[in-house]
Amino acid sequence: MDKLLYIIIVYEFIINLFTFILYGADKYKAKHEKYRIPEARLIFFAFIGGALGAALGMKCFHHKTLKLKFKLVYVLLVLQVILAGYGLYIFFIK
C-alpha cells in the first residue's frame, strides 16, 4: 500500500507541474501569436488530476480566467481535493 501511495503522489506532482507549464506555454503562444494549445486539451489535463496546476497557471499567467468553461477548473480542483482527503482518510485512519 505504501508503494501505491508513493505512485499517486508522484503522479499528482508530475501531472500538476505539467499542466501548470502547459498553461504557461499557451499564454506565451497567445502573446507571440503562435499556434495555440486547444482548450479541450487544457481542460483534459485539469480533469485527469492537474486541476491545481491549471488553477495556479490561470492565476500566475492571468490566462483563461474570464472564460466560463474554465471556471470548471475550480470545480475540478474542489472535487480532487475532496477525493484526495478521502483517500488519505482511508489510507491512514482505516
PDB file of N, CA and C in Angstrom:
ATOM      1  N   MET A   1       0.828  -1.204   0.000  1.00  0.00           N
ATOM      2  CA  MET A   1       0.000   0.000   0.000  1.00  0.00           C
ATOM      3  C   MET A   1       0.866   1.259   0.000  1.00  0.00           C
ATOM      4  N   ASP A   2       2.026   1.210   0.662  1.00  0.00           N
ATOM      5  CA  ASP A   2       2.915   2.368   0.670  1.00  0.00           C
ATOM      6  C   ASP A   2       3.395   2.711  -0.740  1.00  0.00           C
ATOM      7  N   LYS A   3       3.636   1.688  -1.543  1.00  0.00           N
ATOM      8  CA  LYS A   3       4.095   1.909  -2.916  1.00  0.00           C
ATOM      9  C   LYS A   3       3.004   2.596  -3.741  1.00  0.00           C
ATOM     10  N   LEU A   4       1.761   2.193  -3.541  1.00  0.00           N
ATOM     11  CA  LEU A   4       0.642   2.812  -4.253  1.00  0.00           C
ATOM     12  C   LEU A   4       0.524   4.291  -3.881  1.00  0.00           C
ATOM     13  N   LEU A   5       0.650   4.605  -2.601  1.00  0.00           N
ATOM     14  CA  LEU A   5       0.589   5.998  -2.169  1.00  0.00           C
ATOM     15  C   LEU A   5       1.720   6.799  -2.799  1.00  0.00           C
ATOM     16  N   TYR A   6       2.909   6.236  -2.841  1.00  0.00           N
ATOM     17  CA  TYR A   6       4.053   6.901  -3.461  1.00  0.00           C
ATOM     18  C   TYR A   6       3.787   7.158  -4.944  1.00  0.00           C
ATOM     19  N   ILE A   7       3.255   6.180  -5.645  1.00  0.00           N
ATOM     20  CA  ILE A   7       2.956   6.333  -7.073  1.00  0.00           C
ATOM     21  C   ILE A   7       1.917   7.440  -7.287  1.00  0.00           C
ATOM     22  N   ILE A   8       0.901   7.492  -6.449  1.00  0.00           N
ATOM     23  CA  ILE A   8      -0.142   8.516  -6.573  1.00  0.00           C
ATOM     24  C   ILE A   8       0.433   9.908  -6.323  1.00  0.00           C
ATOM     25  N   ILE A   9       1.278  10.035  -5.312  1.00  0.00           N
ATOM     26  CA  ILE A   9       1.885  11.331  -5.003  1.00  0.00           C
ATOM     27  C   ILE A   9       2.773  11.799  -6.149  1.00  0.00           C
ATOM     28  N   VAL A  10       3.596  10.903  -6.679  1.00  0.00           N
ATOM     29  CA  VAL A  10       4.469  11.261  -7.809  1.00  0.00           C
ATOM     30  C   VAL A  10       3.629  11.631  -9.023  1.00  0.00           C
ATOM     31  N   TYR A  11       2.569  10.858  -9.302  1.00  0.00           N
ATOM     32  CA  TYR A  11       1.684  11.162 -10.431  1.00  0.00           C
ATOM     33  C   TYR A  11       1.077  12.553 -10.276  1.00  0.00           C
ATOM     34  N   GLU A  12       0.552  12.850  -9.104  1.00  0.00           N
ATOM     35  CA  GLU A  12      -0.078  14.144  -8.868  1.00  0.00           C
ATOM     36  C   GLU A  12       0.916  15.286  -9.041  1.00  0.00           C
ATOM     37  N   PHE A  13       2.123  15.099  -8.537  1.00  0.00           N
ATOM     38  CA  PHE A  13       3.143  16.133  -8.689  1.00  0.00           C
ATOM     39  C   PHE A  13       3.448  16.369 -10.172  1.00  0.00           C
ATOM     40  N   ILE A  14       3.680  15.298 -10.907  1.00  0.00           N
ATOM     41  CA  ILE A  14       4.049  15.410 -12.323  1.00  0.00           C
ATOM     42  C   ILE A  14       2.912  15.997 -13.152  1.00  0.00           C
ATOM     43  N   ILE A  15       1.680  15.515 -12.962  1.00  0.00           N
ATOM     44  CA  ILE A  15       0.561  15.986 -13.779  1.00  0.00           C
ATOM     45  C   ILE A  15       0.260  17.456 -13.486  1.00  0.00           C
ATOM     46  N   ASN A  16       0.381  17.873 -12.230  1.00  0.00           N
ATOM     47  CA  ASN A  16       0.130  19.274 -11.900  1.00  0.00           C
ATOM     48  C   ASN A  16       1.242  20.184 -12.415  1.00  0.00           C
ATOM     49  N   LEU A  17       2.475  19.751 -12.315  1.00  0.00           N
ATOM     50  CA  LEU A  17       3.583  20.530 -12.859  1.00  0.00           C
ATOM     51  C   LEU A  17       3.453  20.665 -14.373  1.00  0.00           C
ATOM     52  N   PHE A  18       3.145  19.550 -15.039  1.00  0.00           N
ATOM     53  CA  PHE A  18       2.979  19.568 -16.489  1.00  0.00           C
ATOM     54  C   PHE A  18       1.831  20.492 -16.900  1.00  0.00           C
ATOM     55  N   THR A  19       0.722  20.424 -16.179  1.00  0.00           N
ATOM     56  CA  THR A  19      -0.445  21.246 -16.510  1.00  0.00           C
ATOM     57  C   THR A  19      -0.124  22.728 -16.310  1.00  0.00           C
ATOM     58  N   PHE A  20       0.574  23.054 -15.239  1.00  0.00           N
ATOM     59  CA  PHE A  20       0.995  24.433 -14.981  1.00  0.00           C
ATOM     60  C   PHE A  20       1.857  24.944 -16.137  1.00  0.00           C
ATOM     61  N   ILE A  21       2.823  24.132 -16.550  1.00  0.00           N
ATOM     62  CA  ILE A  21       3.704  24.509 -17.662  1.00  0.00           C
ATOM     63  C   ILE A  21       2.905  24.657 -18.961  1.00  0.00           C
ATOM     64  N   LEU A  22       1.921  23.779 -19.162  1.00  0.00           N
ATOM     65  CA  LEU A  22       1.087  23.831 -20.361  1.00  0.00           C
ATOM     66  C   LEU A  22       0.314  25.156 -20.438  1.00  0.00           C
ATOM     67  N   TYR A  23      -0.242  25.587 -19.309  1.00  0.00           N
ATOM     68  CA  TYR A  23      -0.967  26.862 -19.279  1.00  0.00           C
ATOM     69  C   TYR A  23      -0.005  28.022 -19.550  1.00  0.00           C
ATOM     70  N   GLY A  24       1.199  27.936 -18.992  1.00  0.00           N
ATOM     71  CA  GLY A  24       2.199  28.972 -19.252  1.00  0.00           C
ATOM     72  C   GLY A  24       2.613  29.012 -20.713  1.00  0.00           C
ATOM     73  N   ALA A  25       2.792  27.833 -21.298  1.00  0.00           N
ATOM     74  CA  ALA A  25       3.173  27.756 -22.708  1.00  0.00           C
ATOM     75  C   ALA A  25       2.075  28.321 -23.597  1.00  0.00           C
ATOM     76  N   ASP A  26       0.823  28.039 -23.262  1.00  0.00           N
ATOM     77  CA  ASP A  26      -0.279  28.558 -24.076  1.00  0.00           C
ATOM     78  C   ASP A  26      -0.362  30.076 -23.963  1.00  0.00           C
ATOM     79  N   LYS A  27      -0.119  30.611 -22.787  1.00  0.00           N
ATOM     80  CA  LYS A  27      -0.124  32.069 -22.620  1.00  0.00           C
ATOM     81  C   LYS A  27       1.013  32.691 -23.434  1.00  0.00           C
ATOM     82  N   TYR A  28       2.179  32.056 -23.397  1.00  0.00           N
ATOM     83  CA  TYR A  28       3.312  32.537 -24.189  1.00  0.00           C
ATOM     84  C   TYR A  28       2.956  32.540 -25.679  1.00  0.00           C
ATOM     85  N   LYS A  29       2.349  31.449 -26.131  1.00  0.00           N
ATOM     86  CA  LYS A  29       1.962  31.351 -27.538  1.00  0.00           C
ATOM     87  C   LYS A  29       0.916  32.402 -27.903  1.00  0.00           C
ATOM     88  N   ALA A  30       0.011  32.686 -26.969  1.00  0.00           N
ATOM     89  CA  ALA A  30      -1.011  33.703 -27.223  1.00  0.00           C
ATOM     90  C   ALA A  30      -0.376  35.077 -27.400  1.00  0.00           C
ATOM     91  N   LYS A  31       0.598  35.390 -26.564  1.00  0.00           N
ATOM     92  CA  LYS A  31       1.254  36.697 -26.648  1.00  0.00           C
ATOM     93  C   LYS A  31       2.091  36.843 -27.918  1.00  0.00           C
ATOM     94  N   HIS A  32       2.628  35.733 -28.405  1.00  0.00           N
ATOM     95  CA  HIS A  32       3.514  35.773 -29.566  1.00  0.00           C
ATOM     96  C   HIS A  32       2.835  35.303 -30.854  1.00  0.00           C
ATOM     97  N   GLU A  33       1.502  35.227 -30.821  1.00  0.00           N
ATOM     98  CA  GLU A  33       0.690  34.873 -31.984  1.00  0.00           C
ATOM     99  C   GLU A  33       1.162  33.598 -32.670  1.00  0.00           C
ATOM    100  N   LYS A  34       1.381  32.570 -31.870  1.00  0.00           N
ATOM    101  CA  LYS A  34       1.785  31.269 -32.396  1.00  0.00           C
ATOM    102  C   LYS A  34       0.617  30.303 -32.270  1.00  0.00           C
ATOM    103  N   TYR A  35       0.806  29.101 -32.829  1.00  0.00           N
ATOM    104  CA  TYR A  35      -0.226  28.068 -32.761  1.00  0.00           C
ATOM    105  C   TYR A  35      -0.537  27.744 -31.304  1.00  0.00           C
ATOM    106  N   ARG A  36      -1.818  27.788 -30.942  1.00  0.00           N
ATOM    107  CA  ARG A  36      -2.249  27.638 -29.562  1.00  0.00           C
ATOM    108  C   ARG A  36      -2.531  26.194 -29.204  1.00  0.00           C
ATOM    109  N   ILE A  37      -2.497  25.913 -27.916  1.00  0.00           N
ATOM    110  CA  ILE A  37      -2.876  24.607 -27.382  1.00  0.00           C
ATOM    111  C   ILE A  37      -4.403  24.599 -27.302  1.00  0.00           C
ATOM    112  N   PRO A  38      -5.054  23.562 -27.833  1.00  0.00           N
ATOM    113  CA  PRO A  38      -6.526  23.535 -27.808  1.00  0.00           C
ATOM    114  C   PRO A  38      -7.079  23.607 -26.377  1.00  0.00           C
ATOM    115  N   GLU A  39      -8.160  24.341 -26.212  1.00  0.00           N
ATOM    116  CA  GLU A  39      -8.782  24.479 -24.899  1.00  0.00           C
ATOM    117  C   GLU A  39      -9.187  23.134 -24.325  1.00  0.00           C
ATOM    118  N   ALA A  40      -9.665  22.243 -25.180  1.00  0.00           N
ATOM    119  CA  ALA A  40     -10.070  20.913 -24.705  1.00  0.00           C
ATOM    120  C   ALA A  40      -8.892  20.174 -24.074  1.00  0.00           C
ATOM    121  N   ARG A  41      -7.711  20.357 -24.620  1.00  0.00           N
ATOM    122  CA  ARG A  41      -6.526  19.698 -24.057  1.00  0.00           C
ATOM    123  C   ARG A  41      -6.174  20.294 -22.693  1.00  0.00           C
ATOM    124  N   LEU A  42      -6.282  21.608 -22.564  1.00  0.00           N
ATOM    125  CA  LEU A  42      -6.007  22.252 -21.284  1.00  0.00           C
ATOM    126  C   LEU A  42      -6.968  21.746 -20.204  1.00  0.00           C
ATOM    127  N   ILE A  43      -8.231  21.671 -20.545  1.00  0.00           N
ATOM    128  CA  ILE A  43      -9.228  21.191 -19.586  1.00  0.00           C
ATOM    129  C   ILE A  43      -9.032  19.703 -19.304  1.00  0.00           C
ATOM    130  N   PHE A  44      -8.664  18.921 -20.308  1.00  0.00           N
ATOM    131  CA  PHE A  44      -8.427  17.492 -20.124  1.00  0.00           C
ATOM    132  C   PHE A  44      -7.355  17.234 -19.063  1.00  0.00           C
ATOM    133  N   PHE A  45      -6.254  17.976 -19.133  1.00  0.00           N
ATOM    134  CA  PHE A  45      -5.189  17.760 -18.162  1.00  0.00           C
ATOM    135  C   PHE A  45      -5.608  18.189 -16.760  1.00  0.00           C
ATOM    136  N   ALA A  46      -6.474  19.176 -16.664  1.00  0.00           N
ATOM    137  CA  ALA A  46      -7.033  19.533 -15.357  1.00  0.00           C
ATOM    138  C   ALA A  46      -7.911  18.397 -14.850  1.00  0.00           C
ATOM    139  N   PHE A  47      -8.667  17.792 -15.739  1.00  0.00           N
ATOM    140  CA  PHE A  47      -9.598  16.721 -15.383  1.00  0.00           C
ATOM    141  C   PHE A  47      -8.877  15.465 -14.888  1.00  0.00           C
ATOM    142  N   ILE A  48      -7.745  15.134 -15.475  1.00  0.00           N
ATOM    143  CA  ILE A  48      -7.066  13.885 -15.103  1.00  0.00           C
ATOM    144  C   ILE A  48      -6.135  14.044 -13.904  1.00  0.00           C
ATOM    145  N   GLY A  49      -6.298  15.119 -13.165  1.00  0.00           N
ATOM    146  CA  GLY A  49      -5.546  15.278 -11.931  1.00  0.00           C
ATOM    147  C   GLY A  49      -4.759  16.562 -11.831  1.00  0.00           C
ATOM    148  N   GLY A  50      -4.752  17.365 -12.869  1.00  0.00           N
ATOM    149  CA  GLY A  50      -3.947  18.573 -12.868  1.00  0.00           C
ATOM    150  C   GLY A  50      -4.714  19.845 -12.571  1.00  0.00           C
ATOM    151  N   ALA A  51      -5.790  19.749 -11.817  1.00  0.00           N
ATOM    152  CA  ALA A  51      -6.606  20.939 -11.547  1.00  0.00           C
ATOM    153  C   ALA A  51      -5.846  21.987 -10.741  1.00  0.00           C
ATOM    154  N   LEU A  52      -5.014  21.559  -9.812  1.00  0.00           N
ATOM    155  CA  LEU A  52      -4.226  22.515  -9.032  1.00  0.00           C
ATOM    156  C   LEU A  52      -3.242  23.247  -9.944  1.00  0.00           C
ATOM    157  N   GLY A  53      -2.562  22.521 -10.799  1.00  0.00           N
ATOM    158  CA  GLY A  53      -1.641  23.144 -11.747  1.00  0.00           C
ATOM    159  C   GLY A  53      -2.356  24.085 -12.693  1.00  0.00           C
ATOM    160  N   ALA A  54      -3.554  23.703 -13.124  1.00  0.00           N
ATOM    161  CA  ALA A  54      -4.342  24.560 -14.017  1.00  0.00           C
ATOM    162  C   ALA A  54      -4.766  25.841 -13.298  1.00  0.00           C
ATOM    163  N   ALA A  55      -5.255  25.696 -12.073  1.00  0.00           N
ATOM    164  CA  ALA A  55      -5.700  26.866 -11.312  1.00  0.00           C
ATOM    165  C   ALA A  55      -4.527  27.810 -11.042  1.00  0.00           C
ATOM    166  N   LEU A  56      -3.379  27.256 -10.661  1.00  0.00           N
ATOM    167  CA  LEU A  56      -2.196  28.085 -10.425  1.00  0.00           C
ATOM    168  C   LEU A  56      -1.712  28.740 -11.719  1.00  0.00           C
ATOM    169  N   GLY A  57      -1.777  27.985 -12.820  1.00  0.00           N
ATOM    170  CA  GLY A  57      -1.394  28.537 -14.118  1.00  0.00           C
ATOM    171  C   GLY A  57      -2.304  29.675 -14.538  1.00  0.00           C
ATOM    172  N   MET A  58      -3.585  29.511 -14.287  1.00  0.00           N
ATOM    173  CA  MET A  58      -4.536  30.558 -14.631  1.00  0.00           C
ATOM    174  C   MET A  58      -4.254  31.821 -13.812  1.00  0.00           C
ATOM    175  N   LYS A  59      -3.947  31.637 -12.543  1.00  0.00           N
ATOM    176  CA  LYS A  59      -3.668  32.787 -11.668  1.00  0.00           C
ATOM    177  C   LYS A  59      -2.322  33.434 -11.987  1.00  0.00           C
ATOM    178  N   CYS A  60      -1.278  32.621 -12.093  1.00  0.00           N
ATOM    179  CA  CYS A  60       0.080  33.154 -12.308  1.00  0.00           C
ATOM    180  C   CYS A  60       0.235  33.827 -13.668  1.00  0.00           C
ATOM    181  N   PHE A  61      -0.348  33.222 -14.691  1.00  0.00           N
ATOM    182  CA  PHE A  61      -0.174  33.740 -16.049  1.00  0.00           C
ATOM    183  C   PHE A  61      -1.342  34.619 -16.494  1.00  0.00           C
ATOM    184  N   HIS A  62      -2.343  34.805 -15.623  1.00  0.00           N
ATOM    185  CA  HIS A  62      -3.556  35.570 -15.958  1.00  0.00           C
ATOM    186  C   HIS A  62      -4.120  35.072 -17.291  1.00  0.00           C
ATOM    187  N   HIS A  63      -4.335  33.781 -17.327  1.00  0.00           N
ATOM    188  CA  HIS A  63      -4.699  33.128 -18.578  1.00  0.00           C
ATOM    189  C   HIS A  63      -6.003  32.358 -18.449  1.00  0.00           C
ATOM    190  N   LYS A  64      -6.905  32.579 -19.366  1.00  0.00           N
ATOM    191  CA  LYS A  64      -8.192  31.886 -19.443  1.00  0.00           C
ATOM    192  C   LYS A  64      -9.057  32.130 -18.198  1.00  0.00           C
ATOM    193  N   THR A  65      -8.862  33.232 -17.525  1.00  0.00           N
ATOM    194  CA  THR A  65      -9.588  33.464 -16.281  1.00  0.00           C
ATOM    195  C   THR A  65     -11.012  33.958 -16.504  1.00  0.00           C
ATOM    196  N   LEU A  66     -11.292  34.513 -17.663  1.00  0.00           N
ATOM    197  CA  LEU A  66     -12.624  35.062 -17.914  1.00  0.00           C
ATOM    198  C   LEU A  66     -13.553  34.105 -18.645  1.00  0.00           C
ATOM    199  N   LYS A  67     -12.994  33.058 -19.232  1.00  0.00           N
ATOM    200  CA  LYS A  67     -13.835  32.125 -19.995  1.00  0.00           C
ATOM    201  C   LYS A  67     -14.643  31.239 -19.048  1.00  0.00           C
ATOM    202  N   LEU A  68     -15.933  31.154 -19.315  1.00  0.00           N
ATOM    203  CA  LEU A  68     -16.833  30.417 -18.429  1.00  0.00           C
ATOM    204  C   LEU A  68     -16.451  28.939 -18.293  1.00  0.00           C
ATOM    205  N   LYS A  69     -16.079  28.308 -19.408  1.00  0.00           N
ATOM    206  CA  LYS A  69     -15.788  26.875 -19.328  1.00  0.00           C
ATOM    207  C   LYS A  69     -14.539  26.600 -18.499  1.00  0.00           C
ATOM    208  N   PHE A  70     -13.693  27.589 -18.297  1.00  0.00           N
ATOM    209  CA  PHE A  70     -12.512  27.380 -17.473  1.00  0.00           C
ATOM    210  C   PHE A  70     -12.808  27.565 -15.987  1.00  0.00           C
ATOM    211  N   LYS A  71     -13.997  28.017 -15.651  1.00  0.00           N
ATOM    212  CA  LYS A  71     -14.429  28.018 -14.244  1.00  0.00           C
ATOM    213  C   LYS A  71     -14.567  26.576 -13.764  1.00  0.00           C
ATOM    214  N   LEU A  72     -14.732  25.642 -14.700  1.00  0.00           N
ATOM    215  CA  LEU A  72     -14.790  24.218 -14.385  1.00  0.00           C
ATOM    216  C   LEU A  72     -13.518  23.750 -13.680  1.00  0.00           C
ATOM    217  N   VAL A  73     -12.405  24.397 -13.957  1.00  0.00           N
ATOM    218  CA  VAL A  73     -11.134  24.034 -13.327  1.00  0.00           C
ATOM    219  C   VAL A  73     -11.258  24.126 -11.812  1.00  0.00           C
ATOM    220  N   TYR A  74     -11.943  25.151 -11.316  1.00  0.00           N
ATOM    221  CA  TYR A  74     -12.089  25.315  -9.868  1.00  0.00           C
ATOM    222  C   TYR A  74     -13.006  24.253  -9.271  1.00  0.00           C
ATOM    223  N   VAL A  75     -14.023  23.861 -10.008  1.00  0.00           N
ATOM    224  CA  VAL A  75     -14.889  22.768  -9.562  1.00  0.00           C
ATOM    225  C   VAL A  75     -14.082  21.472  -9.507  1.00  0.00           C
ATOM    226  N   LEU A  76     -13.289  21.227 -10.541  1.00  0.00           N
ATOM    227  CA  LEU A  76     -12.437  20.038 -10.552  1.00  0.00           C
ATOM    228  C   LEU A  76     -11.437  20.060  -9.401  1.00  0.00           C
ATOM    229  N   LEU A  77     -10.898  21.225  -9.103  1.00  0.00           N
ATOM    230  CA  LEU A  77      -9.949  21.344  -8.002  1.00  0.00           C
ATOM    231  C   LEU A  77     -10.602  20.967  -6.678  1.00  0.00           C
ATOM    232  N   VAL A  78     -11.785  21.465  -6.426  1.00  0.00           N
ATOM    233  CA  VAL A  78     -12.504  21.130  -5.194  1.00  0.00           C
ATOM    234  C   VAL A  78     -12.770  19.629  -5.134  1.00  0.00           C
ATOM    235  N   LEU A  79     -13.229  19.058  -6.236  1.00  0.00           N
ATOM    236  CA  LEU A  79     -13.503  17.616  -6.259  1.00  0.00           C
ATOM    237  C   LEU A  79     -12.228  16.798  -6.043  1.00  0.00           C
ATOM    238  N   GLN A  80     -11.126  17.219  -6.627  1.00  0.00           N
ATOM    239  CA  GLN A  80      -9.874  16.490  -6.466  1.00  0.00           C
ATOM    240  C   GLN A  80      -9.337  16.604  -5.042  1.00  0.00           C
ATOM    241  N   VAL A  81      -9.522  17.746  -4.405  1.00  0.00           N
ATOM    242  CA  VAL A  81      -9.103  17.903  -3.009  1.00  0.00           C
ATOM    243  C   VAL A  81      -9.957  17.016  -2.103  1.00  0.00           C
ATOM    244  N   ILE A  82     -11.254  16.977  -2.347  1.00  0.00           N
ATOM    245  CA  ILE A  82     -12.140  16.102  -1.562  1.00  0.00           C
ATOM    246  C   ILE A  82     -11.745  14.642  -1.755  1.00  0.00           C
ATOM    247  N   LEU A  83     -11.497  14.252  -2.989  1.00  0.00           N
ATOM    248  CA  LEU A  83     -11.097  12.877  -3.281  1.00  0.00           C
ATOM    249  C   LEU A  83      -9.762  12.538  -2.613  1.00  0.00           C
ATOM    250  N   ALA A  84      -8.816  13.459  -2.665  1.00  0.00           N
ATOM    251  CA  ALA A  84      -7.513  13.235  -2.026  1.00  0.00           C
ATOM    252  C   ALA A  84      -7.672  13.128  -0.509  1.00  0.00           C
ATOM    253  N   GLY A  85      -8.475  13.980   0.063  1.00  0.00           N
ATOM    254  CA  GLY A  85      -8.732  13.918   1.511  1.00  0.00           C
ATOM    255  C   GLY A  85      -9.368  12.609   1.916  1.00  0.00           C
ATOM    256  N   TYR A  86     -10.326  12.173   1.128  1.00  0.00           N
ATOM    257  CA  TYR A  86     -10.982  10.889   1.416  1.00  0.00           C
ATOM    258  C   TYR A  86      -9.986   9.740   1.278  1.00  0.00           C
ATOM    259  N   GLY A  87      -9.146   9.798   0.251  1.00  0.00           N
ATOM    260  CA  GLY A  87      -8.136   8.765   0.065  1.00  0.00           C
ATOM    261  C   GLY A  87      -7.153   8.717   1.209  1.00  0.00           C
ATOM    262  N   LEU A  88      -6.724   9.875   1.682  1.00  0.00           N
ATOM    263  CA  LEU A  88      -5.808   9.921   2.830  1.00  0.00           C
ATOM    264  C   LEU A  88      -6.489   9.410   4.095  1.00  0.00           C
ATOM    265  N   TYR A  89      -7.767   9.747   4.248  1.00  0.00           N
ATOM    266  CA  TYR A  89      -8.529   9.240   5.394  1.00  0.00           C
ATOM    267  C   TYR A  89      -8.575   7.722   5.382  1.00  0.00           C
ATOM    268  N   ILE A  90      -8.893   7.150   4.240  1.00  0.00           N
ATOM    269  CA  ILE A  90      -8.953   5.688   4.106  1.00  0.00           C
ATOM    270  C   ILE A  90      -7.577   5.072   4.368  1.00  0.00           C
ATOM    271  N   PHE A  91      -6.539   5.687   3.815  1.00  0.00           N
ATOM    272  CA  PHE A  91      -5.185   5.129   3.915  1.00  0.00           C
ATOM    273  C   PHE A  91      -4.662   5.184   5.348  1.00  0.00           C
ATOM    274  N   PHE A  92      -4.857   6.304   6.032  1.00  0.00           N
ATOM    275  CA  PHE A  92      -4.242   6.470   7.339  1.00  0.00           C
ATOM    276  C   PHE A  92      -5.149   6.129   8.522  1.00  0.00           C
ATOM    277  N   ILE A  93      -6.439   6.290   8.388  1.00  0.00           N
ATOM    278  CA  ILE A  93      -7.349   6.075   9.513  1.00  0.00           C
ATOM    279  C   ILE A  93      -7.868   4.642   9.547  1.00  0.00           C
ATOM    280  N   LYS A  94      -8.298   4.136   8.424  1.00  0.00           N
ATOM    281  CA  LYS A  94      -8.898   2.787   8.415  1.00  0.00           C
ATOM    282  C   LYS A  94      -7.890   1.708   8.314  1.00  0.00           C
TER     283      LYS A  94
END
